[in-house]
């Protein structure tokens, strides 16, 4: 009885001693508001996996992950201070910087150095090449990166922009309108559009996809965005976000079923097999030869400048923007944390 009582007393004392440490650990977590680029789909699963496996918390971050509404929308939210960090195609962020010099956002981490932006249509429309889009109706949200960057695609392929009619739709209506024949084509990330059409029982062989990159449009894609004053005030926090996101992608590649399970926790209706295929297809734009050989952040300044010049030229913008002010590797973690698994 004495031993039992002593054990209980020791256990209680240990609990009391542990409690302040736990409380201090919880208090040390920094709240972070984090907005993705799109709805919870396969490409967003690595960020959700990072949250579920505690990668952000291990960096001292209490991260709230919200879905996005397009890469044209997220940069505005980050620039306004509504979110501390955002994920978006880098091109609309570059355009925002060029058009609004006071919008001091930049990227410390480019995740997708290959661009999945595309125009997608169906064979039944008779559209087989970019010029065939003239005189047709294209559907997309105004905040869609593909729509915002369509002038660059048009310039590269000789499309007369005056002969394009746009239908402004919600993200949920984009692919259904194409499938029903209410639109002739849509713009967006190829992995979003193609797989959403497949979810609507459109056979893969009936889908036509015209990538912007195949037309020679120099663009970068998905990137982490943050305001410069915030980053300068919290450099370790920025590095922690990058490390956690990189881990999330590495783990999602090694264990895709776990990543899709994290997705299903947020959307129980998500078709798991299709979203897994969508996520793995998206990795083709992440696991580029450049990144596989040198890791995340293996991004020359000239490539960033080429993307800036593409957007300035496409929108006839005169403001200058140096690559070093739009992207900087100074916040990247150690090289080992940026390697992708084979």
C-alpha atoms as a PDB file:
ATOM      1  CA  UNK A   1       0.000   0.000   0.000  1.00  0.00           C
ATOM      2  CA  UNK A   2       2.844   2.363   0.911  1.00  0.00           C
ATOM      3  CA  UNK A   3       4.597   1.642  -2.378  1.00  0.00           C
ATOM      4  CA  UNK A   4       1.385   2.219  -4.295  1.00  0.00           C
ATOM      5  CA  UNK A   5       0.722   5.486  -2.461  1.00  0.00           C
ATOM      6  CA  UNK A   6       4.311   6.591  -3.062  1.00  0.00           C
ATOM      7  CA  UNK A   7       4.018   5.740  -6.769  1.00  0.00           C
ATOM      8  CA  UNK A   8       0.836   7.759  -7.031  1.00  0.00           C
ATOM      9  CA  UNK A   9       2.464  10.700  -5.300  1.00  0.00           C
ATOM     10  CA  UNK A  10       5.498  10.512  -7.557  1.00  0.00           C
ATOM     11  CA  UNK A  11       3.279  10.203 -10.603  1.00  0.00           C
ATOM     12  CA  UNK A  12       1.258  13.226  -9.558  1.00  0.00           C
ATOM     13  CA  UNK A  13       4.407  15.231  -8.954  1.00  0.00           C
ATOM     14  CA  UNK A  14       5.730  14.245 -12.368  1.00  0.00           C
ATOM     15  CA  UNK A  15       2.461  15.321 -13.980  1.00  0.00           C
ATOM     16  CA  UNK A  16       2.591  18.666 -12.226  1.00  0.00           C
ATOM     17  CA  UNK A  17       6.149  19.189 -13.379  1.00  0.00           C
ATOM     18  CA  UNK A  18       5.294  18.165 -16.943  1.00  0.00           C
ATOM     19  CA  UNK A  19       2.212  20.388 -17.167  1.00  0.00           C
ATOM     20  CA  UNK A  20       4.082  23.712 -17.236  1.00  0.00           C
ATOM     21  CA  UNK A  21       6.389  22.383 -19.960  1.00  0.00           C
ATOM     22  CA  UNK A  22       3.381  21.337 -22.021  1.00  0.00           C
ATOM     23  CA  UNK A  23       1.727  24.686 -21.497  1.00  0.00           C
ATOM     24  CA  UNK A  24       4.884  26.523 -22.433  1.00  0.00           C
ATOM     25  CA  UNK A  25       5.245  24.396 -25.565  1.00  0.00           C
ATOM     26  CA  UNK A  26       1.699  25.176 -26.600  1.00  0.00           C
ATOM     27  CA  UNK A  27       2.144  28.864 -25.878  1.00  0.00           C
ATOM     28  CA  UNK A  28       5.310  28.916 -27.981  1.00  0.00           C
ATOM     29  CA  UNK A  29       3.422  27.969 -31.129  1.00  0.00           C
ATOM     30  CA  UNK A  30       3.019  30.923 -33.476  1.00  0.00           C
ATOM     31  CA  UNK A  31      -0.446  31.208 -35.088  1.00  0.00           C
ATOM     32  CA  UNK A  32      -0.199  31.282 -38.878  1.00  0.00           C
ATOM     33  CA  UNK A  33      -3.014  31.793 -41.408  1.00  0.00           C
ATOM     34  CA  UNK A  34      -2.249  29.878 -44.591  1.00  0.00           C
ATOM     35  CA  UNK A  35      -4.326  29.979 -47.782  1.00  0.00           C
ATOM     36  CA  UNK A  36      -3.954  27.440 -50.596  1.00  0.00           C
ATOM     37  CA  UNK A  37      -4.476  28.144 -54.274  1.00  0.00           C
ATOM     38  CA  UNK A  38      -7.549  26.023 -54.915  1.00  0.00           C
ATOM     39  CA  UNK A  39     -10.090  23.649 -53.430  1.00  0.00           C
ATOM     40  CA  UNK A  40      -8.954  20.582 -51.500  1.00  0.00           C
ATOM     41  CA  UNK A  41      -7.890  18.303 -54.343  1.00  0.00           C
ATOM     42  CA  UNK A  42      -4.974  15.965 -54.997  1.00  0.00           C
ATOM     43  CA  UNK A  43      -2.342  18.697 -55.554  1.00  0.00           C
ATOM     44  CA  UNK A  44      -3.297  20.279 -52.218  1.00  0.00           C
ATOM     45  CA  UNK A  45      -2.995  16.975 -50.304  1.00  0.00           C
ATOM     46  CA  UNK A  46       0.753  17.344 -49.463  1.00  0.00           C
ATOM     47  CA  UNK A  47       0.017  20.513 -47.463  1.00  0.00           C
ATOM     48  CA  UNK A  48      -2.779  18.750 -45.584  1.00  0.00           C
ATOM     49  CA  UNK A  49      -0.506  15.783 -44.897  1.00  0.00           C
ATOM     50  CA  UNK A  50       2.120  18.153 -43.500  1.00  0.00           C
ATOM     51  CA  UNK A  51      -0.504  19.549 -41.136  1.00  0.00           C
ATOM     52  CA  UNK A  52      -1.790  16.132 -40.049  1.00  0.00           C
ATOM     53  CA  UNK A  53       1.671  14.736 -39.395  1.00  0.00           C
ATOM     54  CA  UNK A  54       2.612  17.716 -37.249  1.00  0.00           C
ATOM     55  CA  UNK A  55       5.348  19.062 -39.528  1.00  0.00           C
ATOM     56  CA  UNK A  56       4.213  22.663 -39.002  1.00  0.00           C
ATOM     57  CA  UNK A  57       3.938  22.188 -35.239  1.00  0.00           C
ATOM     58  CA  UNK A  58       7.473  20.783 -35.128  1.00  0.00           C
ATOM     59  CA  UNK A  59       8.559  24.123 -36.577  1.00  0.00           C
ATOM     60  CA  UNK A  60       6.722  25.969 -33.786  1.00  0.00           C
ATOM     61  CA  UNK A  61       3.787  26.923 -36.009  1.00  0.00           C
ATOM     62  CA  UNK A  62       0.075  26.603 -35.320  1.00  0.00           C
ATOM     63  CA  UNK A  63      -1.071  26.679 -38.948  1.00  0.00           C
ATOM     64  CA  UNK A  64      -4.668  27.109 -40.085  1.00  0.00           C
ATOM     65  CA  UNK A  65      -4.938  25.816 -43.669  1.00  0.00           C
ATOM     66  CA  UNK A  66      -7.790  27.220 -45.782  1.00  0.00           C
ATOM     67  CA  UNK A  67      -8.769  26.297 -49.306  1.00  0.00           C
ATOM     68  CA  UNK A  68      -8.158  28.838 -52.052  1.00  0.00           C
ATOM     69  CA  UNK A  69     -10.256  30.260 -54.864  1.00  0.00           C
ATOM     70  CA  UNK A  70      -7.683  30.681 -57.600  1.00  0.00           C
ATOM     71  CA  UNK A  71      -4.121  31.849 -58.000  1.00  0.00           C
ATOM     72  CA  UNK A  72      -5.327  35.317 -58.892  1.00  0.00           C
ATOM     73  CA  UNK A  73      -7.139  35.573 -55.575  1.00  0.00           C
ATOM     74  CA  UNK A  74      -4.559  34.271 -53.096  1.00  0.00           C
ATOM     75  CA  UNK A  75      -1.841  36.903 -53.796  1.00  0.00           C
ATOM     76  CA  UNK A  76      -4.376  39.676 -53.145  1.00  0.00           C
ATOM     77  CA  UNK A  77      -5.308  38.112 -49.810  1.00  0.00           C
ATOM     78  CA  UNK A  78      -1.661  37.797 -48.770  1.00  0.00           C
ATOM     79  CA  UNK A  79      -0.868  41.349 -49.910  1.00  0.00           C
ATOM     80  CA  UNK A  80      -3.818  42.673 -47.882  1.00  0.00           C
ATOM     81  CA  UNK A  81      -2.639  40.881 -44.747  1.00  0.00           C
ATOM     82  CA  UNK A  82      -5.697  38.611 -44.580  1.00  0.00           C
ATOM     83  CA  UNK A  83      -3.290  35.663 -44.673  1.00  0.00           C
ATOM     84  CA  UNK A  84       0.305  35.376 -43.495  1.00  0.00           C
ATOM     85  CA  UNK A  85       1.218  32.916 -46.260  1.00  0.00           C
ATOM     86  CA  UNK A  86      -0.372  31.750 -49.450  1.00  0.00           C
ATOM     87  CA  UNK A  87       0.154  29.190 -52.172  1.00  0.00           C
ATOM     88  CA  UNK A  88      -0.449  30.358 -55.726  1.00  0.00           C
ATOM     89  CA  UNK A  89       0.843  30.254 -59.242  1.00  0.00           C
ATOM     90  CA  UNK A  90       3.638  32.813 -59.236  1.00  0.00           C
ATOM     91  CA  UNK A  91       2.495  34.570 -62.411  1.00  0.00           C
ATOM     92  CA  UNK A  92      -0.527  36.445 -60.997  1.00  0.00           C
ATOM     93  CA  UNK A  93       1.658  37.493 -58.050  1.00  0.00           C
ATOM     94  CA  UNK A  94       4.212  38.900 -60.491  1.00  0.00           C
ATOM     95  CA  UNK A  95       1.448  40.718 -62.333  1.00  0.00           C
ATOM     96  CA  UNK A  96       0.178  42.169 -59.065  1.00  0.00           C
ATOM     97  CA  UNK A  97       3.660  43.445 -58.246  1.00  0.00           C
ATOM     98  CA  UNK A  98       4.064  44.992 -61.697  1.00  0.00           C
ATOM     99  CA  UNK A  99       0.645  46.669 -61.649  1.00  0.00           C
ATOM    100  CA  UNK A 100       0.658  47.617 -57.945  1.00  0.00           C
ATOM    101  CA  UNK A 101       4.166  48.567 -56.786  1.00  0.00           C
ATOM    102  CA  UNK A 102       2.977  48.893 -53.182  1.00  0.00           C
ATOM    103  CA  UNK A 103       2.062  45.199 -53.063  1.00  0.00           C
ATOM    104  CA  UNK A 104       5.272  44.037 -51.415  1.00  0.00           C
ATOM    105  CA  UNK A 105       4.801  40.273 -51.685  1.00  0.00           C
ATOM    106  CA  UNK A 106       7.432  37.860 -52.896  1.00  0.00           C
ATOM    107  CA  UNK A 107       8.220  34.156 -52.955  1.00  0.00           C
ATOM    108  CA  UNK A 108      10.856  32.542 -50.741  1.00  0.00           C
ATOM    109  CA  UNK A 109      10.081  29.102 -52.183  1.00  0.00           C
ATOM    110  CA  UNK A 110       8.978  28.025 -55.669  1.00  0.00           C
ATOM    111  CA  UNK A 111       7.434  24.560 -55.444  1.00  0.00           C
ATOM    112  CA  UNK A 112       6.506  23.961 -59.084  1.00  0.00           C
ATOM    113  CA  UNK A 113       9.125  25.128 -61.547  1.00  0.00           C
ATOM    114  CA  UNK A 114       7.160  23.532 -64.382  1.00  0.00           C
ATOM    115  CA  UNK A 115       3.886  25.218 -65.364  1.00  0.00           C
ATOM    116  CA  UNK A 116       0.652  23.182 -65.678  1.00  0.00           C
ATOM    117  CA  UNK A 117      -1.353  26.117 -67.100  1.00  0.00           C
ATOM    118  CA  UNK A 118      -3.387  25.055 -70.098  1.00  0.00           C
ATOM    119  CA  UNK A 119      -6.444  25.577 -72.240  1.00  0.00           C
ATOM    120  CA  UNK A 120      -8.613  22.470 -72.178  1.00  0.00           C
ATOM    121  CA  UNK A 121     -11.379  21.526 -74.574  1.00  0.00           C
ATOM    122  CA  UNK A 122     -13.116  18.442 -75.962  1.00  0.00           C
ATOM    123  CA  UNK A 123     -12.610  16.811 -79.341  1.00  0.00           C
ATOM    124  CA  UNK A 124     -16.281  17.272 -80.179  1.00  0.00           C
ATOM    125  CA  UNK A 125     -15.773  21.061 -80.314  1.00  0.00           C
ATOM    126  CA  UNK A 126     -13.461  20.725 -83.296  1.00  0.00           C
ATOM    127  CA  UNK A 127     -10.785  22.744 -81.512  1.00  0.00           C
ATOM    128  CA  UNK A 128      -7.409  21.118 -82.064  1.00  0.00           C
ATOM    129  CA  UNK A 129      -4.992  24.071 -82.044  1.00  0.00           C
ATOM    130  CA  UNK A 130      -4.838  27.478 -80.341  1.00  0.00           C
ATOM    131  CA  UNK A 131      -6.082  29.513 -83.346  1.00  0.00           C
ATOM    132  CA  UNK A 132      -9.255  27.419 -83.331  1.00  0.00           C
ATOM    133  CA  UNK A 133     -10.228  29.175 -80.090  1.00  0.00           C
ATOM    134  CA  UNK A 134     -11.031  32.375 -81.984  1.00  0.00           C
ATOM    135  CA  UNK A 135     -14.768  33.031 -82.062  1.00  0.00           C
ATOM    136  CA  UNK A 136     -15.355  30.567 -79.203  1.00  0.00           C
ATOM    137  CA  UNK A 137     -16.533  30.856 -75.584  1.00  0.00           C
ATOM    138  CA  UNK A 138     -14.004  30.160 -72.812  1.00  0.00           C
ATOM    139  CA  UNK A 139     -15.155  29.622 -69.229  1.00  0.00           C
ATOM    140  CA  UNK A 140     -13.106  30.327 -66.090  1.00  0.00           C
ATOM    141  CA  UNK A 141     -13.246  32.296 -62.841  1.00  0.00           C
ATOM    142  CA  UNK A 142     -11.739  35.773 -63.132  1.00  0.00           C
ATOM    143  CA  UNK A 143      -9.189  34.757 -60.482  1.00  0.00           C
ATOM    144  CA  UNK A 144      -8.024  31.708 -62.464  1.00  0.00           C
ATOM    145  CA  UNK A 145      -4.319  31.949 -63.320  1.00  0.00           C
ATOM    146  CA  UNK A 146      -4.930  30.416 -66.740  1.00  0.00           C
ATOM    147  CA  UNK A 147      -7.415  33.152 -67.583  1.00  0.00           C
ATOM    148  CA  UNK A 148      -5.199  35.908 -66.231  1.00  0.00           C
ATOM    149  CA  UNK A 149      -2.220  34.617 -68.217  1.00  0.00           C
ATOM    150  CA  UNK A 150      -4.184  33.843 -71.380  1.00  0.00           C
ATOM    151  CA  UNK A 151      -2.845  37.021 -73.101  1.00  0.00           C
ATOM    152  CA  UNK A 152       0.659  35.530 -72.892  1.00  0.00           C
ATOM    153  CA  UNK A 153      -0.578  32.297 -74.491  1.00  0.00           C
ATOM    154  CA  UNK A 154      -2.469  34.296 -77.118  1.00  0.00           C
ATOM    155  CA  UNK A 155       0.598  36.345 -78.013  1.00  0.00           C
ATOM    156  CA  UNK A 156       2.755  33.235 -78.324  1.00  0.00           C
ATOM    157  CA  UNK A 157       0.238  31.463 -80.568  1.00  0.00           C
ATOM    158  CA  UNK A 158      -1.118  34.355 -82.639  1.00  0.00           C
ATOM    159  CA  UNK A 159      -4.627  34.366 -81.152  1.00  0.00           C
ATOM    160  CA  UNK A 160      -6.665  37.542 -81.663  1.00  0.00           C
ATOM    161  CA  UNK A 161      -7.843  38.387 -78.136  1.00  0.00           C
ATOM    162  CA  UNK A 162     -10.715  40.444 -79.548  1.00  0.00           C
ATOM    163  CA  UNK A 163     -12.201  37.235 -80.908  1.00  0.00           C
ATOM    164  CA  UNK A 164     -12.320  35.455 -77.542  1.00  0.00           C
ATOM    165  CA  UNK A 165     -15.514  35.528 -75.458  1.00  0.00           C
ATOM    166  CA  UNK A 166     -15.152  34.890 -71.728  1.00  0.00           C
ATOM    167  CA  UNK A 167     -17.774  33.343 -69.484  1.00  0.00           C
ATOM    168  CA  UNK A 168     -17.110  34.192 -65.832  1.00  0.00           C
ATOM    169  CA  UNK A 169     -18.050  31.174 -63.739  1.00  0.00           C
ATOM    170  CA  UNK A 170     -17.462  29.789 -60.265  1.00  0.00           C
ATOM    171  CA  UNK A 171     -14.765  27.119 -59.924  1.00  0.00           C
ATOM    172  CA  UNK A 172     -17.429  24.453 -59.425  1.00  0.00           C
ATOM    173  CA  UNK A 173     -19.125  25.234 -62.764  1.00  0.00           C
ATOM    174  CA  UNK A 174     -16.057  25.415 -65.000  1.00  0.00           C
ATOM    175  CA  UNK A 175     -15.671  21.763 -66.034  1.00  0.00           C
ATOM    176  CA  UNK A 176     -19.415  20.931 -65.990  1.00  0.00           C
ATOM    177  CA  UNK A 177     -20.101  23.766 -68.459  1.00  0.00           C
ATOM    178  CA  UNK A 178     -17.497  22.368 -70.841  1.00  0.00           C
ATOM    179  CA  UNK A 179     -18.846  18.843 -70.457  1.00  0.00           C
ATOM    180  CA  UNK A 180     -22.411  20.049 -71.164  1.00  0.00           C
ATOM    181  CA  UNK A 181     -21.355  22.063 -74.210  1.00  0.00           C
ATOM    182  CA  UNK A 182     -22.181  25.419 -72.616  1.00  0.00           C
ATOM    183  CA  UNK A 183     -18.553  26.501 -73.113  1.00  0.00           C
ATOM    184  CA  UNK A 184     -16.116  25.603 -75.876  1.00  0.00           C
ATOM    185  CA  UNK A 185     -13.007  25.556 -73.693  1.00  0.00           C
ATOM    186  CA  UNK A 186     -11.730  26.303 -70.195  1.00  0.00           C
ATOM    187  CA  UNK A 187      -8.476  27.540 -68.728  1.00  0.00           C
ATOM    188  CA  UNK A 188      -6.660  26.454 -65.585  1.00  0.00           C
ATOM    189  CA  UNK A 189      -4.171  23.972 -64.221  1.00  0.00           C
ATOM    190  CA  UNK A 190      -4.152  20.919 -66.437  1.00  0.00           C
ATOM    191  CA  UNK A 191      -4.247  18.569 -63.446  1.00  0.00           C
ATOM    192  CA  UNK A 192      -7.317  20.363 -62.133  1.00  0.00           C
ATOM    193  CA  UNK A 193      -9.275  20.596 -65.381  1.00  0.00           C
ATOM    194  CA  UNK A 194      -8.477  17.217 -66.906  1.00  0.00           C
ATOM    195  CA  UNK A 195      -9.143  15.195 -63.783  1.00  0.00           C
ATOM    196  CA  UNK A 196     -12.307  17.122 -62.958  1.00  0.00           C
ATOM    197  CA  UNK A 197     -13.569  16.320 -66.446  1.00  0.00           C
ATOM    198  CA  UNK A 198     -12.711  12.673 -65.857  1.00  0.00           C
ATOM    199  CA  UNK A 199     -14.737  12.819 -62.641  1.00  0.00           C
ATOM    200  CA  UNK A 200     -17.675  13.893 -64.828  1.00  0.00           C
ATOM    201  CA  UNK A 201     -17.218  10.695 -66.883  1.00  0.00           C
ATOM    202  CA  UNK A 202     -15.517  12.419 -69.802  1.00  0.00           C
ATOM    203  CA  UNK A 203     -13.057   9.871 -71.271  1.00  0.00           C
ATOM    204  CA  UNK A 204      -9.411  10.926 -71.195  1.00  0.00           C
ATOM    205  CA  UNK A 205      -9.100  10.372 -74.953  1.00  0.00           C
ATOM    206  CA  UNK A 206     -11.820  12.967 -75.603  1.00  0.00           C
ATOM    207  CA  UNK A 207      -9.942  15.747 -73.787  1.00  0.00           C
ATOM    208  CA  UNK A 208      -7.651  18.147 -75.653  1.00  0.00           C
ATOM    209  CA  UNK A 209      -5.110  20.052 -73.564  1.00  0.00           C
ATOM    210  CA  UNK A 210      -2.927  22.862 -74.878  1.00  0.00           C
ATOM    211  CA  UNK A 211      -0.199  23.756 -72.387  1.00  0.00           C
ATOM    212  CA  UNK A 212       1.098  27.299 -72.233  1.00  0.00           C
ATOM    213  CA  UNK A 213       4.642  25.981 -71.824  1.00  0.00           C
ATOM    214  CA  UNK A 214       4.386  24.005 -75.082  1.00  0.00           C
ATOM    215  CA  UNK A 215       3.706  27.309 -76.836  1.00  0.00           C
ATOM    216  CA  UNK A 216       6.982  28.663 -75.484  1.00  0.00           C
ATOM    217  CA  UNK A 217       5.483  30.786 -72.714  1.00  0.00           C
ATOM    218  CA  UNK A 218       8.188  31.158 -70.040  1.00  0.00           C
ATOM    219  CA  UNK A 219       6.408  30.802 -66.716  1.00  0.00           C
ATOM    220  CA  UNK A 220       6.978  29.487 -63.222  1.00  0.00           C
ATOM    221  CA  UNK A 221       4.134  27.995 -61.245  1.00  0.00           C
ATOM    222  CA  UNK A 222       3.113  27.152 -57.683  1.00  0.00           C
ATOM    223  CA  UNK A 223       4.996  29.135 -55.058  1.00  0.00           C
ATOM    224  CA  UNK A 224       4.821  30.166 -51.427  1.00  0.00           C
ATOM    225  CA  UNK A 225       3.946  33.854 -51.034  1.00  0.00           C
ATOM    226  CA  UNK A 226       4.537  36.184 -48.100  1.00  0.00           C
ATOM    227  CA  UNK A 227       4.808  39.918 -47.490  1.00  0.00           C
ATOM    228  CA  UNK A 228       8.376  41.152 -47.261  1.00  0.00           C
ATOM    229  CA  UNK A 229       8.005  42.997 -43.918  1.00  0.00           C
ATOM    230  CA  UNK A 230       6.508  39.867 -42.363  1.00  0.00           C
ATOM    231  CA  UNK A 231       9.337  37.686 -43.662  1.00  0.00           C
ATOM    232  CA  UNK A 232      12.021  40.091 -42.505  1.00  0.00           C
ATOM    233  CA  UNK A 233      10.483  40.200 -39.042  1.00  0.00           C
ATOM    234  CA  UNK A 234      10.071  36.400 -38.820  1.00  0.00           C
ATOM    235  CA  UNK A 235      12.849  34.749 -40.877  1.00  0.00           C
ATOM    236  CA  UNK A 236      12.917  31.516 -38.841  1.00  0.00           C
ATOM    237  CA  UNK A 237       9.168  31.206 -39.205  1.00  0.00           C
ATOM    238  CA  UNK A 238       9.457  31.479 -43.005  1.00  0.00           C
ATOM    239  CA  UNK A 239      12.176  28.834 -43.075  1.00  0.00           C
ATOM    240  CA  UNK A 240      10.030  26.602 -40.883  1.00  0.00           C
ATOM    241  CA  UNK A 241       7.095  26.907 -43.298  1.00  0.00           C
ATOM    242  CA  UNK A 242       9.340  25.965 -46.206  1.00  0.00           C
ATOM    243  CA  UNK A 243      10.820  22.982 -44.373  1.00  0.00           C
ATOM    244  CA  UNK A 244       7.364  21.678 -43.399  1.00  0.00           C
ATOM    245  CA  UNK A 245       5.968  22.085 -46.919  1.00  0.00           C
ATOM    246  CA  UNK A 246       8.963  20.332 -48.451  1.00  0.00           C
ATOM    247  CA  UNK A 247       8.537  17.461 -45.964  1.00  0.00           C
ATOM    248  CA  UNK A 248       4.857  17.258 -46.815  1.00  0.00           C
ATOM    249  CA  UNK A 249       5.638  16.845 -50.505  1.00  0.00           C
ATOM    250  CA  UNK A 250       8.383  14.303 -49.856  1.00  0.00           C
ATOM    251  CA  UNK A 251       6.071  12.226 -47.656  1.00  0.00           C
ATOM    252  CA  UNK A 252       3.173  12.519 -50.113  1.00  0.00           C
ATOM    253  CA  UNK A 253       5.399  11.157 -52.882  1.00  0.00           C
ATOM    254  CA  UNK A 254       6.537   8.246 -50.720  1.00  0.00           C
ATOM    255  CA  UNK A 255       3.088   7.537 -49.262  1.00  0.00           C
ATOM    256  CA  UNK A 256       0.410   8.906 -51.606  1.00  0.00           C
ATOM    257  CA  UNK A 257      -2.381   6.988 -49.867  1.00  0.00           C
ATOM    258  CA  UNK A 258      -1.628   8.806 -46.607  1.00  0.00           C
ATOM    259  CA  UNK A 259      -1.790  12.159 -48.401  1.00  0.00           C
ATOM    260  CA  UNK A 260      -5.152  11.321 -49.934  1.00  0.00           C
ATOM    261  CA  UNK A 261      -6.401  10.162 -46.518  1.00  0.00           C
ATOM    262  CA  UNK A 262      -5.590  13.674 -45.241  1.00  0.00           C
ATOM    263  CA  UNK A 263      -7.582  15.088 -48.141  1.00  0.00           C
ATOM    264  CA  UNK A 264     -10.533  12.792 -47.426  1.00  0.00           C
ATOM    265  CA  UNK A 265     -10.618  14.078 -43.834  1.00  0.00           C
ATOM    266  CA  UNK A 266     -11.524  17.500 -45.223  1.00  0.00           C
ATOM    267  CA  UNK A 267     -13.791  16.237 -47.996  1.00  0.00           C
ATOM    268  CA  UNK A 268     -15.335  12.841 -47.455  1.00  0.00           C
ATOM    269  CA  UNK A 269     -16.884  12.966 -50.932  1.00  0.00           C
ATOM    270  CA  UNK A 270     -13.522  13.218 -52.714  1.00  0.00           C
ATOM    271  CA  UNK A 271     -12.998  10.305 -55.153  1.00  0.00           C
ATOM    272  CA  UNK A 272      -9.819   8.893 -53.647  1.00  0.00           C
ATOM    273  CA  UNK A 273      -8.468   7.044 -56.685  1.00  0.00           C
ATOM    274  CA  UNK A 274      -9.008  10.017 -58.984  1.00  0.00           C
ATOM    275  CA  UNK A 275      -7.478  12.504 -56.521  1.00  0.00           C
ATOM    276  CA  UNK A 276      -4.479  10.229 -56.008  1.00  0.00           C
ATOM    277  CA  UNK A 277      -3.960  10.120 -59.784  1.00  0.00           C
ATOM    278  CA  UNK A 278      -4.371  13.896 -59.934  1.00  0.00           C
ATOM    279  CA  UNK A 279      -1.772  14.422 -57.200  1.00  0.00           C
ATOM    280  CA  UNK A 280       0.755  12.082 -58.826  1.00  0.00           C
ATOM    281  CA  UNK A 281       0.230  13.766 -62.197  1.00  0.00           C
ATOM    282  CA  UNK A 282       0.885  17.125 -60.537  1.00  0.00           C
ATOM    283  CA  UNK A 283       4.224  15.844 -59.252  1.00  0.00           C
ATOM    284  CA  UNK A 284       5.413  15.813 -62.871  1.00  0.00           C
ATOM    285  CA  UNK A 285       5.516  19.622 -62.663  1.00  0.00           C
ATOM    286  CA  UNK A 286       7.325  19.500 -59.302  1.00  0.00           C
ATOM    287  CA  UNK A 287       9.837  16.710 -59.886  1.00  0.00           C
ATOM    288  CA  UNK A 288      11.526  18.419 -62.820  1.00  0.00           C
ATOM    289  CA  UNK A 289      15.068  17.380 -63.817  1.00  0.00           C
ATOM    290  CA  UNK A 290      16.276  20.687 -62.401  1.00  0.00           C
ATOM    291  CA  UNK A 291      14.763  20.000 -58.962  1.00  0.00           C
ATOM    292  CA  UNK A 292      15.686  16.324 -58.915  1.00  0.00           C
ATOM    293  CA  UNK A 293      19.315  17.183 -59.552  1.00  0.00           C
ATOM    294  CA  UNK A 294      19.626  20.118 -57.160  1.00  0.00           C
ATOM    295  CA  UNK A 295      16.598  20.039 -54.875  1.00  0.00           C
ATOM    296  CA  UNK A 296      13.929  22.668 -54.273  1.00  0.00           C
ATOM    297  CA  UNK A 297      15.381  26.121 -54.761  1.00  0.00           C
ATOM    298  CA  UNK A 298      17.613  25.087 -57.663  1.00  0.00           C
ATOM    299  CA  UNK A 299      16.254  28.066 -59.553  1.00  0.00           C
ATOM    300  CA  UNK A 300      18.499  30.465 -61.455  1.00  0.00           C
ATOM    301  CA  UNK A 301      17.657  34.143 -61.340  1.00  0.00           C
ATOM    302  CA  UNK A 302      17.522  34.237 -65.138  1.00  0.00           C
ATOM    303  CA  UNK A 303      14.554  31.843 -65.105  1.00  0.00           C
ATOM    304  CA  UNK A 304      12.667  34.081 -62.696  1.00  0.00           C
ATOM    305  CA  UNK A 305      13.460  37.145 -64.794  1.00  0.00           C
ATOM    306  CA  UNK A 306      12.211  35.396 -67.935  1.00  0.00           C
ATOM    307  CA  UNK A 307       8.871  34.736 -66.214  1.00  0.00           C
ATOM    308  CA  UNK A 308       8.654  38.388 -65.141  1.00  0.00           C
ATOM    309  CA  UNK A 309       9.435  39.588 -68.657  1.00  0.00           C
ATOM    310  CA  UNK A 310       6.765  37.272 -70.106  1.00  0.00           C
ATOM    311  CA  UNK A 311       4.096  38.838 -67.922  1.00  0.00           C
ATOM    312  CA  UNK A 312       5.265  42.402 -68.434  1.00  0.00           C
ATOM    313  CA  UNK A 313       5.231  41.885 -72.190  1.00  0.00           C
ATOM    314  CA  UNK A 314       1.873  40.081 -72.282  1.00  0.00           C
ATOM    315  CA  UNK A 315       0.064  42.822 -70.350  1.00  0.00           C
ATOM    316  CA  UNK A 316       2.007  45.778 -71.779  1.00  0.00           C
ATOM    317  CA  UNK A 317       3.193  46.806 -68.321  1.00  0.00           C
ATOM    318  CA  UNK A 318       6.020  49.317 -68.102  1.00  0.00           C
ATOM    319  CA  UNK A 319       7.036  48.989 -64.449  1.00  0.00           C
ATOM    320  CA  UNK A 320      10.339  47.315 -63.735  1.00  0.00           C
ATOM    321  CA  UNK A 321      10.718  44.324 -61.442  1.00  0.00           C
ATOM    322  CA  UNK A 322      14.004  42.636 -60.677  1.00  0.00           C
ATOM    323  CA  UNK A 323      14.026  38.877 -60.171  1.00  0.00           C
ATOM    324  CA  UNK A 324      15.812  39.251 -56.835  1.00  0.00           C
ATOM    325  CA  UNK A 325      12.893  41.253 -55.419  1.00  0.00           C
ATOM    326  CA  UNK A 326      10.305  38.685 -56.529  1.00  0.00           C
ATOM    327  CA  UNK A 327      12.144  35.542 -55.466  1.00  0.00           C
ATOM    328  CA  UNK A 328      14.973  35.010 -53.012  1.00  0.00           C
ATOM    329  CA  UNK A 329      16.507  31.761 -51.725  1.00  0.00           C
ATOM    330  CA  UNK A 330      17.775  33.401 -48.531  1.00  0.00           C
ATOM    331  CA  UNK A 331      15.053  31.766 -46.392  1.00  0.00           C
ATOM    332  CA  UNK A 332      15.582  28.232 -47.661  1.00  0.00           C
ATOM    333  CA  UNK A 333      16.501  25.588 -45.045  1.00  0.00           C
ATOM    334  CA  UNK A 334      19.504  23.286 -45.246  1.00  0.00           C
ATOM    335  CA  UNK A 335      20.040  21.454 -48.553  1.00  0.00           C
ATOM    336  CA  UNK A 336      19.103  18.065 -47.058  1.00  0.00           C
ATOM    337  CA  UNK A 337      15.597  19.368 -46.284  1.00  0.00           C
ATOM    338  CA  UNK A 338      15.090  20.352 -49.922  1.00  0.00           C
ATOM    339  CA  UNK A 339      15.904  17.007 -51.510  1.00  0.00           C
ATOM    340  CA  UNK A 340      13.100  15.002 -53.087  1.00  0.00           C
ATOM    341  CA  UNK A 341      13.047  11.223 -52.662  1.00  0.00           C
ATOM    342  CA  UNK A 342      13.654   9.075 -55.738  1.00  0.00           C
END
